[in-house]
Each structure stands twice: as C-alpha cells, then as structure tokens.
Amino acid sequence: MEMGMHETFTALVELTNLQEQRRLACGPESEEWTAPQLRDQVEKLQLIRDCLVEVEIARLSADYDAVFRGYLRLLRALGRKNSAENESEEADKWLVEYFLEKFLRSTREVTISLENMVTKEGQGENYELQMKLELSKQRAAEALFHVANFAFNDAEKLSESLLCLAEFNEPNMDQKACDHKLTLLTEACALAKKGEDLL
C-alpha cells in the first residue's frame, strides 16, 4: 500500500481469504485444514507481491505485454518454488489455478479492447495498434494453452478449458463447429502432453 499498489494489496487479501474459505469448506478432516497458510509463508508472499506489483505497474502504463509476461513469470516461479521445497503439487494447485484464471481473463479483456480499437480506427490504419493486437492474441493463446495444460491433469476442468479456448477463437460458432473444435483441441492436448512426457 505504501507504493500505492492497491490492486496488489487487494489481490493478496483476496488470496489469504480464499485459502481460509477453502480450508473451512473442506473441514478439519481434510489435508487442506493442515496445509501451510499463505499468510505464514513470507517468502512466497513476497514473491507473489513483487510479481503483482510488476503487473500492476505495467497495467497502469498500458504495457499489456509486460502484464502478460509478469503473470507468466509468477506462474513459473510458483512452479519452481514448489519443486525446490518438495511440496505436494496439490498444496498450491489452487494458487496456480487462481493466477491462471487472472492471466486468462487479462489477456481476453485486453484482446477484446484492442480489437474494438482496431475496428474503430479501421483495419490496417494503425500499424502499432495492429502489432499490439497480434501480440495480445499470441499471449491469449499462450494463456489458453497453460490453462488447458493445467486442466489436462484435472479431467473435470479439461472440457471447460477447451470450450473456453474454442469460444475465444470463434465466439459465434454453432454447436457442430464447437464439437468439432473440441475434438481437435482434445487431440492436440493429448499430443502436447505426450510430447511433454518425452522431454
């Protein structure tokens, strides 16, 4: 708050509250009940805070690609931290999911906003704006890949993520087209997962 980073402060409070709500909902017999609380993990909180400050500064200066890169850096850092500390992947799954959703929402909002600006100015009229839009679409595709890849390990969420991806690419498609795209996306995810396992 000292730096005026209100979004960052709000997100940190939201995260600690969300974890407490999850803990209470699962009850004392669950692993969630005894899992380390985020508010007690100073190093992890500092990592999240620093990345969110970076994202907020980038957003305030309308450097949307830096916003996206900031979220990616945070997601990678959380993944590395879990590996280094030998924590259970399940322990911070909710945290990774939270930031994946933030990343995805951010890329979608920016892409839609830039598409509207390009439409108003006319196709090809503003080269810089066109480049920003193309980069935003690329980052949106990255976000969707990460969401689908994360959800691939969670069968319940896979179809939801793939549907989100299909609707993002073509918002007005009919059911037949949607089903066809979902089939292709499911196959693509399976191939990507297989390739990842070979690395």
C-alpha atoms as a PDB file:
ATOM      1  CA  MET A   1       0.000   0.000   0.000  1.00  0.00           C
ATOM      2  CA  GLU A   2       2.935   2.342   0.641  1.00  0.00           C
ATOM      3  CA  MET A   3       3.672   2.360  -3.089  1.00  0.00           C
ATOM      4  CA  GLY A   4       0.012   2.904  -3.976  1.00  0.00           C
ATOM      5  CA  MET A   5      -0.326  -0.603  -5.377  1.00  0.00           C
ATOM      6  CA  HIS A   6      -3.997  -1.048  -4.487  1.00  0.00           C
ATOM      7  CA  GLU A   7      -4.668  -3.931  -6.912  1.00  0.00           C
ATOM      8  CA  THR A   8      -1.737  -5.853  -5.451  1.00  0.00           C
ATOM      9  CA  PHE A   9      -2.879  -5.309  -1.876  1.00  0.00           C
ATOM     10  CA  THR A  10      -6.450  -6.313  -2.779  1.00  0.00           C
ATOM     11  CA  ALA A  11      -5.225  -9.481  -4.534  1.00  0.00           C
ATOM     12  CA  LEU A  12      -3.099 -10.515  -1.536  1.00  0.00           C
ATOM     13  CA  VAL A  13      -6.021 -10.049   0.857  1.00  0.00           C
ATOM     14  CA  GLU A  14      -8.292 -11.943  -1.558  1.00  0.00           C
ATOM     15  CA  LEU A  15      -5.809 -14.834  -1.729  1.00  0.00           C
ATOM     16  CA  THR A  16      -5.486 -15.231   2.035  1.00  0.00           C
ATOM     17  CA  ASN A  17      -9.278 -15.026   2.436  1.00  0.00           C
ATOM     18  CA  LEU A  18      -9.816 -17.525  -0.382  1.00  0.00           C
ATOM     19  CA  GLN A  19      -7.450 -20.031   1.205  1.00  0.00           C
ATOM     20  CA  GLU A  20      -9.198 -19.675   4.562  1.00  0.00           C
ATOM     21  CA  GLN A  21     -12.610 -20.192   2.901  1.00  0.00           C
ATOM     22  CA  ARG A  22     -11.297 -23.318   1.156  1.00  0.00           C
ATOM     23  CA  ARG A  23      -9.890 -24.600   4.449  1.00  0.00           C
ATOM     24  CA  LEU A  24     -13.189 -24.095   6.297  1.00  0.00           C
ATOM     25  CA  ALA A  25     -15.214 -25.620   3.460  1.00  0.00           C
ATOM     26  CA  CYS A  26     -13.040 -28.776   3.453  1.00  0.00           C
ATOM     27  CA  GLY A  27     -13.230 -29.215   7.230  1.00  0.00           C
ATOM     28  CA  PRO A  28     -10.815 -30.471   9.905  1.00  0.00           C
ATOM     29  CA  GLU A  29     -10.536 -33.986   8.449  1.00  0.00           C
ATOM     30  CA  SER A  30      -9.047 -32.714   5.167  1.00  0.00           C
ATOM     31  CA  GLU A  31      -5.434 -32.103   4.108  1.00  0.00           C
ATOM     32  CA  GLU A  32      -6.488 -28.541   3.310  1.00  0.00           C
ATOM     33  CA  TRP A  33      -7.107 -27.960   7.020  1.00  0.00           C
ATOM     34  CA  THR A  34      -3.470 -28.599   7.960  1.00  0.00           C
ATOM     35  CA  ALA A  35      -1.878 -27.186   4.784  1.00  0.00           C
ATOM     36  CA  PRO A  36       0.514 -24.259   5.365  1.00  0.00           C
ATOM     37  CA  GLN A  37      -1.373 -20.969   5.246  1.00  0.00           C
ATOM     38  CA  LEU A  38      -0.209 -18.464   2.659  1.00  0.00           C
ATOM     39  CA  ARG A  39      -0.130 -15.682   5.268  1.00  0.00           C
ATOM     40  CA  ASP A  40       2.556 -17.685   7.137  1.00  0.00           C
ATOM     41  CA  GLN A  41       4.736 -18.262   4.041  1.00  0.00           C
ATOM     42  CA  VAL A  42       6.666 -14.986   3.971  1.00  0.00           C
ATOM     43  CA  GLU A  43       8.957 -15.852   1.067  1.00  0.00           C
ATOM     44  CA  LYS A  44       6.081 -16.992  -1.141  1.00  0.00           C
ATOM     45  CA  LEU A  45       4.015 -13.917  -0.238  1.00  0.00           C
ATOM     46  CA  GLN A  46       6.945 -11.660  -1.155  1.00  0.00           C
ATOM     47  CA  LEU A  47       7.342 -13.453  -4.485  1.00  0.00           C
ATOM     48  CA  ILE A  48       3.638 -13.011  -5.266  1.00  0.00           C
ATOM     49  CA  ARG A  49       3.675  -9.390  -4.088  1.00  0.00           C
ATOM     50  CA  ASP A  50       6.712  -8.493  -6.231  1.00  0.00           C
ATOM     51  CA  CYS A  51       5.228 -10.079  -9.362  1.00  0.00           C
ATOM     52  CA  LEU A  52       1.831  -8.446  -8.788  1.00  0.00           C
ATOM     53  CA  VAL A  53       3.459  -5.022  -8.299  1.00  0.00           C
ATOM     54  CA  GLU A  54       5.248  -5.542 -11.629  1.00  0.00           C
ATOM     55  CA  VAL A  55       1.930  -6.498 -13.277  1.00  0.00           C
ATOM     56  CA  GLU A  56       0.118  -3.518 -11.773  1.00  0.00           C
ATOM     57  CA  ILE A  57       2.795  -1.019 -12.865  1.00  0.00           C
ATOM     58  CA  ALA A  58       2.679  -2.481 -16.387  1.00  0.00           C
ATOM     59  CA  ARG A  59      -1.126  -2.263 -16.453  1.00  0.00           C
ATOM     60  CA  LEU A  60      -1.092   1.370 -15.292  1.00  0.00           C
ATOM     61  CA  SER A  61       1.331   2.251 -18.091  1.00  0.00           C
ATOM     62  CA  ALA A  62      -0.749   0.254 -20.640  1.00  0.00           C
ATOM     63  CA  ASP A  63       2.186  -2.086 -21.335  1.00  0.00           C
ATOM     64  CA  TYR A  64      -0.062  -5.101 -21.735  1.00  0.00           C
ATOM     65  CA  ASP A  65       2.634  -7.464 -22.918  1.00  0.00           C
ATOM     66  CA  ALA A  66       4.556  -6.757 -19.699  1.00  0.00           C
ATOM     67  CA  VAL A  67       1.341  -7.590 -17.791  1.00  0.00           C
ATOM     68  CA  PHE A  68       1.177 -10.973 -19.510  1.00  0.00           C
ATOM     69  CA  ARG A  69       4.902 -11.644 -19.025  1.00  0.00           C
ATOM     70  CA  GLY A  70       4.537 -10.765 -15.336  1.00  0.00           C
ATOM     71  CA  TYR A  71       1.803 -13.373 -14.869  1.00  0.00           C
ATOM     72  CA  LEU A  72       3.869 -15.979 -16.737  1.00  0.00           C
ATOM     73  CA  ARG A  73       6.904 -15.224 -14.570  1.00  0.00           C
ATOM     74  CA  LEU A  74       4.805 -15.627 -11.434  1.00  0.00           C
ATOM     75  CA  LEU A  75       3.347 -18.953 -12.591  1.00  0.00           C
ATOM     76  CA  ARG A  76       6.805 -20.301 -13.459  1.00  0.00           C
ATOM     77  CA  ALA A  77       8.250 -19.068 -10.163  1.00  0.00           C
ATOM     78  CA  LEU A  78       5.471 -20.754  -8.174  1.00  0.00           C
ATOM     79  CA  GLY A  79       6.138 -23.991 -10.057  1.00  0.00           C
ATOM     80  CA  ARG A  80       9.893 -23.823  -9.380  1.00  0.00           C
ATOM     81  CA  LYS A  81       9.321 -22.958  -5.720  1.00  0.00           C
ATOM     82  CA  ASN A  82       7.105 -25.988  -5.201  1.00  0.00           C
ATOM     83  CA  SER A  83       9.715 -28.268  -6.795  1.00  0.00           C
ATOM     84  CA  ALA A  84      12.540 -26.781  -4.730  1.00  0.00           C
ATOM     85  CA  GLU A  85      10.632 -27.169  -1.477  1.00  0.00           C
ATOM     86  CA  ASN A  86       9.405 -30.659  -2.393  1.00  0.00           C
ATOM     87  CA  GLU A  87       5.875 -29.570  -1.617  1.00  0.00           C
ATOM     88  CA  SER A  88       2.926 -31.588  -2.755  1.00  0.00           C
ATOM     89  CA  GLU A  89       1.675 -30.338  -6.112  1.00  0.00           C
ATOM     90  CA  GLU A  90      -1.806 -30.369  -4.644  1.00  0.00           C
ATOM     91  CA  ALA A  91      -0.850 -27.889  -1.904  1.00  0.00           C
ATOM     92  CA  ASP A  92      -0.588 -24.897  -4.219  1.00  0.00           C
ATOM     93  CA  LYS A  93      -2.788 -26.125  -7.056  1.00  0.00           C
ATOM     94  CA  TRP A  94      -5.472 -23.607  -6.066  1.00  0.00           C
ATOM     95  CA  LEU A  95      -2.886 -20.811  -6.167  1.00  0.00           C
ATOM     96  CA  VAL A  96      -1.675 -21.711  -9.655  1.00  0.00           C
ATOM     97  CA  GLU A  97      -5.293 -22.024 -10.818  1.00  0.00           C
ATOM     98  CA  TYR A  98      -6.112 -18.586  -9.350  1.00  0.00           C
ATOM     99  CA  PHE A  99      -3.302 -16.895 -11.312  1.00  0.00           C
ATOM    100  CA  LEU A 100      -4.005 -18.859 -14.489  1.00  0.00           C
ATOM    101  CA  GLU A 101      -7.563 -17.526 -14.377  1.00  0.00           C
ATOM    102  CA  LYS A 102      -6.262 -13.984 -13.764  1.00  0.00           C
ATOM    103  CA  PHE A 103      -3.841 -14.349 -16.677  1.00  0.00           C
ATOM    104  CA  LEU A 104      -6.543 -15.697 -18.984  1.00  0.00           C
ATOM    105  CA  ARG A 105      -9.074 -13.030 -18.002  1.00  0.00           C
ATOM    106  CA  SER A 106      -6.488 -10.291 -18.509  1.00  0.00           C
ATOM    107  CA  THR A 107      -5.496 -11.493 -21.991  1.00  0.00           C
ATOM    108  CA  ARG A 108      -9.126 -11.794 -23.064  1.00  0.00           C
ATOM    109  CA  GLU A 109     -10.060  -8.316 -21.815  1.00  0.00           C
ATOM    110  CA  VAL A 110      -7.052  -6.686 -23.481  1.00  0.00           C
ATOM    111  CA  THR A 111      -7.558  -8.540 -26.776  1.00  0.00           C
ATOM    112  CA  ILE A 112     -11.242  -7.579 -26.945  1.00  0.00           C
ATOM    113  CA  SER A 113     -10.398  -3.963 -26.108  1.00  0.00           C
ATOM    114  CA  LEU A 114      -7.686  -3.811 -28.793  1.00  0.00           C
ATOM    115  CA  GLU A 115      -9.987  -5.459 -31.361  1.00  0.00           C
ATOM    116  CA  ASN A 116     -12.584  -2.756 -30.680  1.00  0.00           C
ATOM    117  CA  MET A 117      -9.943  -0.039 -31.099  1.00  0.00           C
ATOM    118  CA  VAL A 118      -8.746  -1.548 -34.389  1.00  0.00           C
ATOM    119  CA  THR A 119     -12.349  -1.758 -35.644  1.00  0.00           C
ATOM    120  CA  LYS A 120     -12.953   1.907 -34.802  1.00  0.00           C
ATOM    121  CA  GLU A 121      -9.751   3.045 -36.496  1.00  0.00           C
ATOM    122  CA  GLY A 122     -10.168   0.749 -39.488  1.00  0.00           C
ATOM    123  CA  GLN A 123      -8.153  -2.302 -40.478  1.00  0.00           C
ATOM    124  CA  GLY A 124      -4.547  -1.513 -41.340  1.00  0.00           C
ATOM    125  CA  GLU A 125      -4.836   2.164 -40.376  1.00  0.00           C
ATOM    126  CA  ASN A 126      -2.663   1.973 -37.277  1.00  0.00           C
ATOM    127  CA  TYR A 127       0.315  -0.376 -37.629  1.00  0.00           C
ATOM    128  CA  GLU A 128       1.373  -0.056 -33.974  1.00  0.00           C
ATOM    129  CA  LEU A 129      -2.129  -0.912 -32.777  1.00  0.00           C
ATOM    130  CA  GLN A 130      -2.258  -3.898 -35.150  1.00  0.00           C
ATOM    131  CA  MET A 131       1.056  -5.154 -33.753  1.00  0.00           C
ATOM    132  CA  LYS A 132      -0.236  -4.800 -30.181  1.00  0.00           C
ATOM    133  CA  LEU A 133      -3.352  -6.746 -31.141  1.00  0.00           C
ATOM    134  CA  GLU A 134      -1.334  -9.551 -32.754  1.00  0.00           C
ATOM    135  CA  LEU A 135       0.930  -9.781 -29.707  1.00  0.00           C
ATOM    136  CA  SER A 136      -2.115  -9.777 -27.430  1.00  0.00           C
ATOM    137  CA  LYS A 137      -3.663 -12.642 -29.419  1.00  0.00           C
ATOM    138  CA  GLN A 138      -0.395 -14.551 -29.133  1.00  0.00           C
ATOM    139  CA  ARG A 139      -0.339 -14.046 -25.355  1.00  0.00           C
ATOM    140  CA  ALA A 140      -4.013 -15.038 -25.156  1.00  0.00           C
ATOM    141  CA  ALA A 141      -3.188 -18.269 -26.979  1.00  0.00           C
ATOM    142  CA  GLU A 142      -0.335 -18.870 -24.518  1.00  0.00           C
ATOM    143  CA  ALA A 143      -2.682 -18.286 -21.590  1.00  0.00           C
ATOM    144  CA  LEU A 144      -5.223 -20.693 -23.034  1.00  0.00           C
ATOM    145  CA  PHE A 145      -2.529 -23.302 -23.613  1.00  0.00           C
ATOM    146  CA  HIS A 146      -1.381 -23.032 -19.997  1.00  0.00           C
ATOM    147  CA  VAL A 147      -4.963 -23.266 -18.724  1.00  0.00           C
ATOM    148  CA  ALA A 148      -5.673 -26.313 -20.900  1.00  0.00           C
ATOM    149  CA  ASN A 149      -2.344 -27.900 -19.947  1.00  0.00           C
ATOM    150  CA  PHE A 150      -3.070 -27.346 -16.256  1.00  0.00           C
ATOM    151  CA  ALA A 151      -6.613 -28.658 -16.659  1.00  0.00           C
ATOM    152  CA  PHE A 152      -5.400 -31.677 -18.624  1.00  0.00           C
ATOM    153  CA  ASN A 153      -4.372 -33.176 -15.281  1.00  0.00           C
ATOM    154  CA  ASP A 154      -7.844 -32.427 -13.964  1.00  0.00           C
ATOM    155  CA  ALA A 155     -10.354 -34.240 -16.197  1.00  0.00           C
ATOM    156  CA  GLU A 156     -13.271 -32.323 -14.728  1.00  0.00           C
ATOM    157  CA  LYS A 157     -11.860 -28.994 -15.926  1.00  0.00           C
ATOM    158  CA  LEU A 158     -10.434 -30.072 -19.277  1.00  0.00           C
ATOM    159  CA  SER A 159     -13.618 -29.733 -21.323  1.00  0.00           C
ATOM    160  CA  GLU A 160     -14.371 -26.382 -19.674  1.00  0.00           C
ATOM    161  CA  SER A 161     -10.942 -25.014 -20.633  1.00  0.00           C
ATOM    162  CA  LEU A 162     -11.165 -26.373 -24.159  1.00  0.00           C
ATOM    163  CA  LEU A 163     -14.626 -24.897 -24.607  1.00  0.00           C
ATOM    164  CA  CYS A 164     -13.291 -21.558 -23.386  1.00  0.00           C
ATOM    165  CA  LEU A 165     -10.488 -21.811 -25.958  1.00  0.00           C
ATOM    166  CA  ALA A 166     -12.897 -22.658 -28.767  1.00  0.00           C
ATOM    167  CA  GLU A 167     -15.293 -19.833 -27.860  1.00  0.00           C
ATOM    168  CA  PHE A 168     -12.431 -17.347 -27.597  1.00  0.00           C
ATOM    169  CA  ASN A 169     -11.250 -18.138 -31.112  1.00  0.00           C
ATOM    170  CA  GLU A 170     -14.752 -18.049 -32.614  1.00  0.00           C
ATOM    171  CA  PRO A 171     -17.421 -16.583 -30.298  1.00  0.00           C
ATOM    172  CA  ASN A 172     -20.431 -17.170 -32.599  1.00  0.00           C
ATOM    173  CA  MET A 173     -19.850 -20.738 -33.769  1.00  0.00           C
ATOM    174  CA  ASP A 174     -22.695 -23.251 -33.867  1.00  0.00           C
ATOM    175  CA  GLN A 175     -22.818 -26.474 -31.824  1.00  0.00           C
ATOM    176  CA  LYS A 176     -21.482 -28.664 -34.651  1.00  0.00           C
ATOM    177  CA  ALA A 177     -18.457 -26.403 -35.169  1.00  0.00           C
ATOM    178  CA  CYS A 178     -17.945 -26.232 -31.410  1.00  0.00           C
ATOM    179  CA  ASP A 179     -17.971 -30.038 -31.091  1.00  0.00           C
ATOM    180  CA  HIS A 180     -15.525 -30.365 -33.995  1.00  0.00           C
ATOM    181  CA  LYS A 181     -13.124 -27.836 -32.442  1.00  0.00           C
ATOM    182  CA  LEU A 182     -13.352 -29.520 -29.056  1.00  0.00           C
ATOM    183  CA  THR A 183     -12.390 -32.843 -30.659  1.00  0.00           C
ATOM    184  CA  LEU A 184      -9.392 -31.253 -32.383  1.00  0.00           C
ATOM    185  CA  LEU A 185      -8.338 -29.450 -29.215  1.00  0.00           C
ATOM    186  CA  THR A 186      -8.605 -32.605 -27.128  1.00  0.00           C
ATOM    187  CA  GLU A 187      -6.390 -34.436 -29.628  1.00  0.00           C
ATOM    188  CA  ALA A 188      -3.933 -31.510 -29.666  1.00  0.00           C
ATOM    189  CA  CYS A 189      -3.734 -31.530 -25.866  1.00  0.00           C
ATOM    190  CA  ALA A 190      -3.122 -35.268 -25.860  1.00  0.00           C
ATOM    191  CA  LEU A 191      -0.275 -34.852 -28.365  1.00  0.00           C
ATOM    192  CA  ALA A 192       1.181 -31.931 -26.405  1.00  0.00           C
ATOM    193  CA  LYS A 193       1.035 -33.942 -23.188  1.00  0.00           C
ATOM    194  CA  LYS A 194       2.679 -36.924 -24.884  1.00  0.00           C
ATOM    195  CA  GLY A 195       5.445 -34.680 -26.232  1.00  0.00           C
ATOM    196  CA  GLU A 196       5.943 -33.104 -22.812  1.00  0.00           C
ATOM    197  CA  ASP A 197       6.345 -36.542 -21.222  1.00  0.00           C
ATOM    198  CA  LEU A 198       9.113 -37.364 -23.712  1.00  0.00           C
ATOM    199  CA  LEU A 199      11.164 -34.275 -22.729  1.00  0.00           C
END
